[in-house]
Amino acid sequence: MKKITFILLISFITSSFVSSQTKEDSLAIKQAAMNYIEGYYEGNAERMEKALHPELAKRIVRTDPQSGRQRFDQMSSLTLINITKAGGGKSIPQDQRIFEFRILDITGNHASVKTVAKGFFDYIHMAKWNGEWKIVNVLWDFINN
């Protein structure tokens, strides 16, 4: 009896997670990621702002060349919006704007996404905030495209 109860509990939990992953959520998550990347490329601060939660933390691990010690450098939502407003990635030609997008996980009101763009990649955490998907955390680094 315990085994059957356990299996039913696992089935219920699994079906709850699967049912929370709607097509509408997937499309809205993709749109938030597109607003983030395309907004940057276009220098469109409005699109960037629409994608971000006001308390965004965008971080990169850097190594100090003199000491060899690592540290986190961080950008806030306002910093990223201002970088975008100042031109963002507009100088990158359209045909060189590499973009890949993949939803890694959606569970309830939380999602993990990976994007790859010209020169950098992002691991993005999103939350459904007041009915809209917003980027809350980004861990990123540079790459050679």
N, C-alpha and C. Protein backbone atom coordinates (compact mmCIF):
# COMPACT_ATOMS: atom_id res chain seq x y z
N MET A 1 0.82 -1.20 0.00
CA MET A 1 0.00 0.00 0.00
C MET A 1 0.86 1.26 0.00
N LYS A 2 1.96 1.25 0.78
CA LYS A 2 2.84 2.41 0.83
C LYS A 2 3.44 2.68 -0.54
N LYS A 3 3.78 1.60 -1.26
CA LYS A 3 4.38 1.74 -2.58
C LYS A 3 3.40 2.40 -3.56
N ILE A 4 2.15 1.99 -3.54
CA ILE A 4 1.13 2.56 -4.41
C ILE A 4 0.90 4.03 -4.06
N THR A 5 0.83 4.36 -2.78
CA THR A 5 0.64 5.75 -2.35
C THR A 5 1.81 6.61 -2.84
N PHE A 6 3.03 6.09 -2.72
CA PHE A 6 4.22 6.82 -3.16
C PHE A 6 4.17 7.06 -4.67
N ILE A 7 3.81 6.03 -5.43
CA ILE A 7 3.72 6.16 -6.89
C ILE A 7 2.65 7.18 -7.26
N LEU A 8 1.51 7.14 -6.61
CA LEU A 8 0.45 8.11 -6.90
C LEU A 8 0.90 9.53 -6.55
N LEU A 9 1.62 9.69 -5.45
CA LEU A 9 2.12 11.00 -5.05
C LEU A 9 3.11 11.53 -6.09
N ILE A 10 4.03 10.70 -6.52
CA ILE A 10 5.00 11.11 -7.55
C ILE A 10 4.28 11.46 -8.85
N SER A 11 3.29 10.67 -9.23
CA SER A 11 2.53 10.94 -10.45
C SER A 11 1.80 12.28 -10.35
N PHE A 12 1.22 12.56 -9.18
CA PHE A 12 0.52 13.83 -8.98
C PHE A 12 1.49 15.00 -9.07
N ILE A 13 2.62 14.90 -8.41
CA ILE A 13 3.62 15.99 -8.43
C ILE A 13 4.11 16.21 -9.85
N THR A 14 4.44 15.13 -10.56
CA THR A 14 4.94 15.24 -11.93
C THR A 14 3.89 15.87 -12.84
N SER A 15 2.64 15.44 -12.73
CA SER A 15 1.59 16.00 -13.59
C SER A 15 1.34 17.46 -13.26
N SER A 16 1.52 17.86 -12.00
CA SER A 16 1.36 19.27 -11.64
C SER A 16 2.40 20.13 -12.34
N PHE A 17 3.65 19.66 -12.38
CA PHE A 17 4.70 20.41 -13.04
C PHE A 17 4.48 20.47 -14.54
N VAL A 18 4.12 19.36 -15.14
CA VAL A 18 3.92 19.31 -16.58
C VAL A 18 2.74 20.20 -16.98
N SER A 19 1.66 20.17 -16.22
CA SER A 19 0.50 20.96 -16.59
C SER A 19 0.76 22.45 -16.44
N SER A 20 1.74 22.85 -15.63
CA SER A 20 2.02 24.27 -15.48
C SER A 20 2.84 24.81 -16.64
N GLN A 21 3.34 23.96 -17.51
CA GLN A 21 4.14 24.37 -18.66
C GLN A 21 3.22 24.53 -19.87
N THR A 22 2.64 25.71 -19.99
CA THR A 22 1.71 25.94 -21.09
C THR A 22 2.45 26.50 -22.30
N LYS A 23 1.82 26.36 -23.46
CA LYS A 23 2.37 26.92 -24.69
C LYS A 23 2.48 28.44 -24.57
N GLU A 24 1.48 29.06 -23.93
CA GLU A 24 1.50 30.51 -23.75
C GLU A 24 2.70 30.94 -22.91
N ASP A 25 3.00 30.18 -21.84
CA ASP A 25 4.17 30.50 -21.03
C ASP A 25 5.44 30.37 -21.84
N SER A 26 5.56 29.29 -22.60
CA SER A 26 6.76 29.10 -23.42
C SER A 26 6.95 30.26 -24.40
N LEU A 27 5.86 30.69 -25.04
CA LEU A 27 5.95 31.81 -25.98
C LEU A 27 6.31 33.11 -25.27
N ALA A 28 5.75 33.33 -24.08
CA ALA A 28 6.04 34.56 -23.33
C ALA A 28 7.48 34.55 -22.82
N ILE A 29 8.00 33.39 -22.44
CA ILE A 29 9.39 33.28 -22.02
C ILE A 29 10.31 33.59 -23.19
N LYS A 30 10.00 33.03 -24.35
CA LYS A 30 10.80 33.31 -25.53
C LYS A 30 10.74 34.79 -25.88
N GLN A 31 9.56 35.40 -25.78
CA GLN A 31 9.43 36.82 -26.10
C GLN A 31 10.27 37.68 -25.15
N ALA A 32 10.30 37.33 -23.87
CA ALA A 32 11.12 38.08 -22.91
C ALA A 32 12.60 37.97 -23.29
N ALA A 33 13.03 36.76 -23.66
CA ALA A 33 14.42 36.57 -24.08
C ALA A 33 14.72 37.35 -25.36
N MET A 34 13.78 37.37 -26.30
CA MET A 34 13.97 38.11 -27.54
C MET A 34 14.02 39.61 -27.28
N ASN A 35 13.17 40.09 -26.37
CA ASN A 35 13.22 41.52 -26.01
C ASN A 35 14.58 41.88 -25.43
N TYR A 36 15.13 40.98 -24.65
CA TYR A 36 16.45 41.18 -24.03
C TYR A 36 17.55 41.22 -25.09
N ILE A 37 17.63 40.19 -25.94
CA ILE A 37 18.70 40.11 -26.93
C ILE A 37 18.49 41.09 -28.07
N GLU A 38 17.31 41.07 -28.67
CA GLU A 38 17.05 41.96 -29.80
C GLU A 38 17.03 43.42 -29.36
N GLY A 39 16.52 43.67 -28.16
CA GLY A 39 16.55 45.03 -27.64
C GLY A 39 17.97 45.54 -27.53
N TYR A 40 18.88 44.67 -27.07
CA TYR A 40 20.30 45.04 -26.97
C TYR A 40 20.86 45.35 -28.36
N TYR A 41 20.63 44.43 -29.32
CA TYR A 41 21.14 44.63 -30.68
C TYR A 41 20.57 45.88 -31.33
N GLU A 42 19.31 46.17 -31.08
CA GLU A 42 18.65 47.33 -31.70
C GLU A 42 18.95 48.63 -30.97
N GLY A 43 19.53 48.53 -29.77
CA GLY A 43 19.70 49.73 -28.95
C GLY A 43 18.34 50.23 -28.47
N ASN A 44 17.40 49.30 -28.29
CA ASN A 44 16.02 49.63 -27.93
C ASN A 44 15.84 49.43 -26.42
N ALA A 45 15.99 50.51 -25.67
CA ALA A 45 15.91 50.45 -24.20
C ALA A 45 14.52 50.04 -23.72
N GLU A 46 13.47 50.39 -24.49
CA GLU A 46 12.11 50.00 -24.09
C GLU A 46 11.94 48.49 -24.10
N ARG A 47 12.46 47.83 -25.14
CA ARG A 47 12.37 46.36 -25.19
C ARG A 47 13.19 45.74 -24.07
N MET A 48 14.37 46.29 -23.82
CA MET A 48 15.21 45.76 -22.74
C MET A 48 14.48 45.90 -21.41
N GLU A 49 13.94 47.07 -21.15
CA GLU A 49 13.25 47.30 -19.88
C GLU A 49 12.05 46.37 -19.73
N LYS A 50 11.34 46.11 -20.81
CA LYS A 50 10.18 45.21 -20.77
C LYS A 50 10.59 43.79 -20.36
N ALA A 51 11.81 43.39 -20.72
CA ALA A 51 12.28 42.03 -20.43
C ALA A 51 12.74 41.85 -18.99
N LEU A 52 13.17 42.93 -18.35
CA LEU A 52 13.86 42.82 -17.07
C LEU A 52 12.99 43.12 -15.86
N HIS A 53 13.22 42.37 -14.79
CA HIS A 53 12.66 42.73 -13.49
C HIS A 53 13.51 43.88 -12.95
N PRO A 54 12.92 44.85 -12.26
CA PRO A 54 13.70 45.99 -11.75
C PRO A 54 14.86 45.59 -10.82
N GLU A 55 14.77 44.43 -10.20
CA GLU A 55 15.83 43.99 -9.28
C GLU A 55 16.77 42.98 -9.93
N LEU A 56 16.89 43.04 -11.25
CA LEU A 56 17.78 42.14 -11.98
C LEU A 56 19.20 42.16 -11.40
N ALA A 57 19.82 41.00 -11.40
CA ALA A 57 21.25 40.88 -11.10
C ALA A 57 21.88 40.12 -12.26
N LYS A 58 22.71 40.81 -13.04
CA LYS A 58 23.42 40.19 -14.15
C LYS A 58 24.89 40.12 -13.73
N ARG A 59 25.43 38.88 -13.67
CA ARG A 59 26.77 38.70 -13.13
C ARG A 59 27.68 37.95 -14.09
N ILE A 60 28.96 38.25 -13.98
CA ILE A 60 30.01 37.55 -14.71
C ILE A 60 31.16 37.30 -13.74
N VAL A 61 31.80 36.14 -13.86
CA VAL A 61 32.99 35.83 -13.08
C VAL A 61 34.20 36.36 -13.85
N ARG A 62 35.01 37.18 -13.20
CA ARG A 62 36.22 37.72 -13.83
C ARG A 62 37.42 37.38 -12.95
N THR A 63 38.57 37.28 -13.58
CA THR A 63 39.80 37.02 -12.86
C THR A 63 40.70 38.25 -12.97
N ASP A 64 41.14 38.74 -11.83
CA ASP A 64 42.05 39.88 -11.80
C ASP A 64 43.40 39.40 -12.34
N PRO A 65 43.89 40.00 -13.43
CA PRO A 65 45.14 39.52 -14.04
C PRO A 65 46.36 39.68 -13.14
N GLN A 66 46.33 40.64 -12.23
CA GLN A 66 47.48 40.86 -11.35
C GLN A 66 47.50 39.91 -10.17
N SER A 67 46.34 39.71 -9.53
CA SER A 67 46.31 38.86 -8.33
C SER A 67 45.91 37.43 -8.63
N GLY A 68 45.25 37.21 -9.78
CA GLY A 68 44.75 35.88 -10.09
C GLY A 68 43.48 35.52 -9.33
N ARG A 69 42.97 36.42 -8.53
CA ARG A 69 41.76 36.16 -7.73
C ARG A 69 40.52 36.43 -8.58
N GLN A 70 39.51 35.63 -8.34
CA GLN A 70 38.25 35.80 -9.06
C GLN A 70 37.31 36.69 -8.26
N ARG A 71 36.41 37.33 -9.01
CA ARG A 71 35.39 38.18 -8.41
C ARG A 71 34.16 38.15 -9.32
N PHE A 72 33.04 38.56 -8.77
CA PHE A 72 31.83 38.76 -9.57
C PHE A 72 31.72 40.23 -9.91
N ASP A 73 31.52 40.54 -11.19
CA ASP A 73 31.12 41.88 -11.60
C ASP A 73 29.63 41.81 -11.88
N GLN A 74 28.91 42.85 -11.52
CA GLN A 74 27.46 42.82 -11.60
C GLN A 74 26.92 44.04 -12.32
N MET A 75 25.84 43.81 -13.08
CA MET A 75 25.08 44.90 -13.69
C MET A 75 23.67 44.85 -13.14
N SER A 76 23.12 46.01 -12.92
CA SER A 76 21.72 46.10 -12.49
C SER A 76 20.83 46.28 -13.71
N SER A 77 19.55 46.26 -13.48
CA SER A 77 18.58 46.50 -14.55
C SER A 77 18.81 47.88 -15.16
N LEU A 78 18.98 48.89 -14.32
CA LEU A 78 19.17 50.25 -14.81
C LEU A 78 20.45 50.37 -15.64
N THR A 79 21.53 49.72 -15.19
CA THR A 79 22.78 49.76 -15.94
C THR A 79 22.60 49.15 -17.33
N LEU A 80 21.95 48.00 -17.39
CA LEU A 80 21.75 47.32 -18.67
C LEU A 80 20.83 48.13 -19.59
N ILE A 81 19.82 48.75 -19.03
CA ILE A 81 18.93 49.59 -19.83
C ILE A 81 19.71 50.78 -20.38
N ASN A 82 20.56 51.40 -19.56
CA ASN A 82 21.35 52.55 -20.01
C ASN A 82 22.39 52.16 -21.06
N ILE A 83 23.00 50.98 -20.93
CA ILE A 83 23.93 50.48 -21.95
C ILE A 83 23.19 50.31 -23.28
N THR A 84 22.00 49.77 -23.20
CA THR A 84 21.18 49.57 -24.39
C THR A 84 20.79 50.91 -25.00
N LYS A 85 20.36 51.84 -24.15
CA LYS A 85 19.96 53.17 -24.62
C LYS A 85 21.13 53.88 -25.30
N ALA A 86 22.36 53.61 -24.84
CA ALA A 86 23.55 54.25 -25.43
C ALA A 86 23.97 53.59 -26.75
N GLY A 87 23.23 52.57 -27.18
CA GLY A 87 23.54 51.96 -28.47
C GLY A 87 23.63 50.45 -28.41
N GLY A 88 23.89 49.90 -27.21
CA GLY A 88 23.94 48.45 -27.06
C GLY A 88 24.79 47.80 -28.13
N GLY A 89 24.23 46.84 -28.84
CA GLY A 89 24.95 46.10 -29.87
C GLY A 89 24.64 46.56 -31.28
N LYS A 90 24.18 47.80 -31.45
CA LYS A 90 23.82 48.31 -32.78
C LYS A 90 24.98 48.26 -33.76
N SER A 91 26.21 48.32 -33.26
CA SER A 91 27.37 48.33 -34.16
C SER A 91 27.67 46.95 -34.76
N ILE A 92 27.04 45.91 -34.22
CA ILE A 92 27.24 44.56 -34.76
C ILE A 92 26.33 44.40 -35.98
N PRO A 93 26.92 44.13 -37.16
CA PRO A 93 26.10 43.99 -38.37
C PRO A 93 25.04 42.89 -38.22
N GLN A 94 23.90 43.12 -38.82
CA GLN A 94 22.75 42.21 -38.74
C GLN A 94 23.14 40.77 -39.07
N ASP A 95 23.94 40.56 -40.10
CA ASP A 95 24.29 39.20 -40.52
C ASP A 95 25.29 38.52 -39.58
N GLN A 96 25.82 39.26 -38.62
CA GLN A 96 26.76 38.68 -37.65
C GLN A 96 26.13 38.48 -36.27
N ARG A 97 24.86 38.79 -36.16
CA ARG A 97 24.17 38.65 -34.88
C ARG A 97 23.70 37.22 -34.70
N ILE A 98 24.56 36.43 -34.16
CA ILE A 98 24.23 35.03 -33.91
C ILE A 98 23.30 34.98 -32.71
N PHE A 99 22.25 34.20 -32.83
CA PHE A 99 21.33 34.08 -31.70
C PHE A 99 20.78 32.68 -31.61
N GLU A 100 20.94 32.08 -30.44
CA GLU A 100 20.34 30.79 -30.13
C GLU A 100 19.54 30.96 -28.85
N PHE A 101 18.45 30.23 -28.76
CA PHE A 101 17.57 30.31 -27.61
C PHE A 101 17.09 28.91 -27.25
N ARG A 102 17.16 28.59 -25.96
CA ARG A 102 16.67 27.28 -25.53
C ARG A 102 16.10 27.40 -24.11
N ILE A 103 14.85 26.97 -23.94
CA ILE A 103 14.27 26.86 -22.60
C ILE A 103 14.82 25.59 -21.99
N LEU A 104 15.49 25.71 -20.86
CA LEU A 104 16.05 24.56 -20.18
C LEU A 104 15.05 23.92 -19.23
N ASP A 105 14.20 24.76 -18.61
CA ASP A 105 13.24 24.23 -17.64
C ASP A 105 12.17 25.28 -17.36
N ILE A 106 10.94 24.82 -17.18
CA ILE A 106 9.86 25.65 -16.67
C ILE A 106 9.21 24.85 -15.54
N THR A 107 9.16 25.45 -14.38
CA THR A 107 8.47 24.83 -13.25
C THR A 107 7.65 25.90 -12.56
N GLY A 108 6.35 25.78 -12.69
CA GLY A 108 5.47 26.78 -12.09
C GLY A 108 5.74 28.16 -12.66
N ASN A 109 6.08 29.09 -11.78
CA ASN A 109 6.33 30.47 -12.18
C ASN A 109 7.81 30.78 -12.35
N HIS A 110 8.61 29.75 -12.62
CA HIS A 110 10.06 29.92 -12.76
C HIS A 110 10.54 29.23 -14.02
N ALA A 111 11.53 29.84 -14.68
CA ALA A 111 12.07 29.25 -15.90
C ALA A 111 13.57 29.50 -15.98
N SER A 112 14.27 28.56 -16.60
CA SER A 112 15.70 28.71 -16.90
C SER A 112 15.86 28.64 -18.41
N VAL A 113 16.66 29.56 -18.94
CA VAL A 113 16.83 29.72 -20.37
C VAL A 113 18.31 29.90 -20.66
N LYS A 114 18.76 29.40 -21.81
CA LYS A 114 20.12 29.68 -22.28
C LYS A 114 20.01 30.41 -23.60
N THR A 115 20.75 31.51 -23.72
CA THR A 115 20.85 32.22 -24.98
C THR A 115 22.32 32.33 -25.37
N VAL A 116 22.56 32.32 -26.66
CA VAL A 116 23.90 32.53 -27.20
C VAL A 116 23.77 33.61 -28.26
N ALA A 117 24.58 34.64 -28.15
CA ALA A 117 24.55 35.76 -29.08
C ALA A 117 25.97 36.09 -29.50
N LYS A 118 26.12 37.04 -30.37
CA LYS A 118 27.44 37.43 -30.86
C LYS A 118 28.32 37.87 -29.68
N GLY A 119 29.30 37.04 -29.36
CA GLY A 119 30.29 37.41 -28.35
C GLY A 119 30.00 37.00 -26.93
N PHE A 120 28.79 36.52 -26.65
CA PHE A 120 28.49 36.17 -25.26
C PHE A 120 27.37 35.13 -25.17
N PHE A 121 27.29 34.48 -24.01
CA PHE A 121 26.17 33.58 -23.72
C PHE A 121 25.62 33.95 -22.36
N ASP A 122 24.34 33.61 -22.15
CA ASP A 122 23.65 33.90 -20.90
C ASP A 122 22.93 32.66 -20.39
N TYR A 123 23.02 32.43 -19.09
CA TYR A 123 22.12 31.52 -18.40
C TYR A 123 21.15 32.43 -17.65
N ILE A 124 19.89 32.37 -18.04
CA ILE A 124 18.88 33.32 -17.57
C ILE A 124 17.87 32.61 -16.67
N HIS A 125 17.57 33.24 -15.55
CA HIS A 125 16.46 32.79 -14.70
C HIS A 125 15.35 33.82 -14.82
N MET A 126 14.16 33.32 -15.10
CA MET A 126 12.98 34.18 -15.21
C MET A 126 11.96 33.80 -14.16
N ALA A 127 11.12 34.77 -13.83
CA ALA A 127 10.00 34.54 -12.93
C ALA A 127 8.76 35.18 -13.54
N LYS A 128 7.64 34.52 -13.34
CA LYS A 128 6.37 35.11 -13.77
C LYS A 128 5.97 36.08 -12.66
N TRP A 129 6.08 37.36 -12.97
CA TRP A 129 5.91 38.43 -12.00
C TRP A 129 4.71 39.28 -12.40
N ASN A 130 3.68 39.29 -11.57
CA ASN A 130 2.45 40.03 -11.88
C ASN A 130 1.92 39.67 -13.27
N GLY A 131 1.99 38.37 -13.58
CA GLY A 131 1.43 37.87 -14.84
C GLY A 131 2.34 37.96 -16.04
N GLU A 132 3.55 38.53 -15.88
CA GLU A 132 4.48 38.65 -17.01
C GLU A 132 5.80 37.98 -16.67
N TRP A 133 6.41 37.34 -17.68
CA TRP A 133 7.72 36.71 -17.49
C TRP A 133 8.79 37.79 -17.54
N LYS A 134 9.60 37.86 -16.49
CA LYS A 134 10.66 38.86 -16.36
C LYS A 134 11.99 38.16 -16.05
N ILE A 135 13.06 38.71 -16.57
CA ILE A 135 14.39 38.19 -16.29
C ILE A 135 14.82 38.74 -14.93
N VAL A 136 15.17 37.80 -14.03
CA VAL A 136 15.53 38.16 -12.66
C VAL A 136 17.04 38.03 -12.44
N ASN A 137 17.63 36.96 -12.96
CA ASN A 137 19.07 36.70 -12.80
C ASN A 137 19.67 36.30 -14.14
N VAL A 138 20.90 36.74 -14.37
CA VAL A 138 21.64 36.32 -15.55
C VAL A 138 23.08 36.05 -15.11
N LEU A 139 23.58 34.86 -15.44
CA LEU A 139 24.99 34.54 -15.30
C LEU A 139 25.51 34.42 -16.72
N TRP A 140 26.55 35.20 -17.05
CA TRP A 140 26.98 35.28 -18.45
C TRP A 140 28.49 35.26 -18.56
N ASP A 141 28.95 35.10 -19.79
CA ASP A 141 30.38 35.18 -20.07
C ASP A 141 30.57 35.46 -21.55
N PHE A 142 31.80 35.85 -21.90
CA PHE A 142 32.16 36.10 -23.29
C PHE A 142 32.52 34.78 -23.98
N ILE A 143 32.28 34.73 -25.28
CA ILE A 143 32.72 33.61 -26.12
C ILE A 143 33.24 34.18 -27.44
N ASN A 144 33.93 33.36 -28.17
CA ASN A 144 34.36 33.75 -29.52
C ASN A 144 33.40 33.12 -30.51
N ASN A 145 32.59 33.94 -31.16
CA ASN A 145 31.63 33.44 -32.16
C ASN A 145 32.29 33.35 -33.51
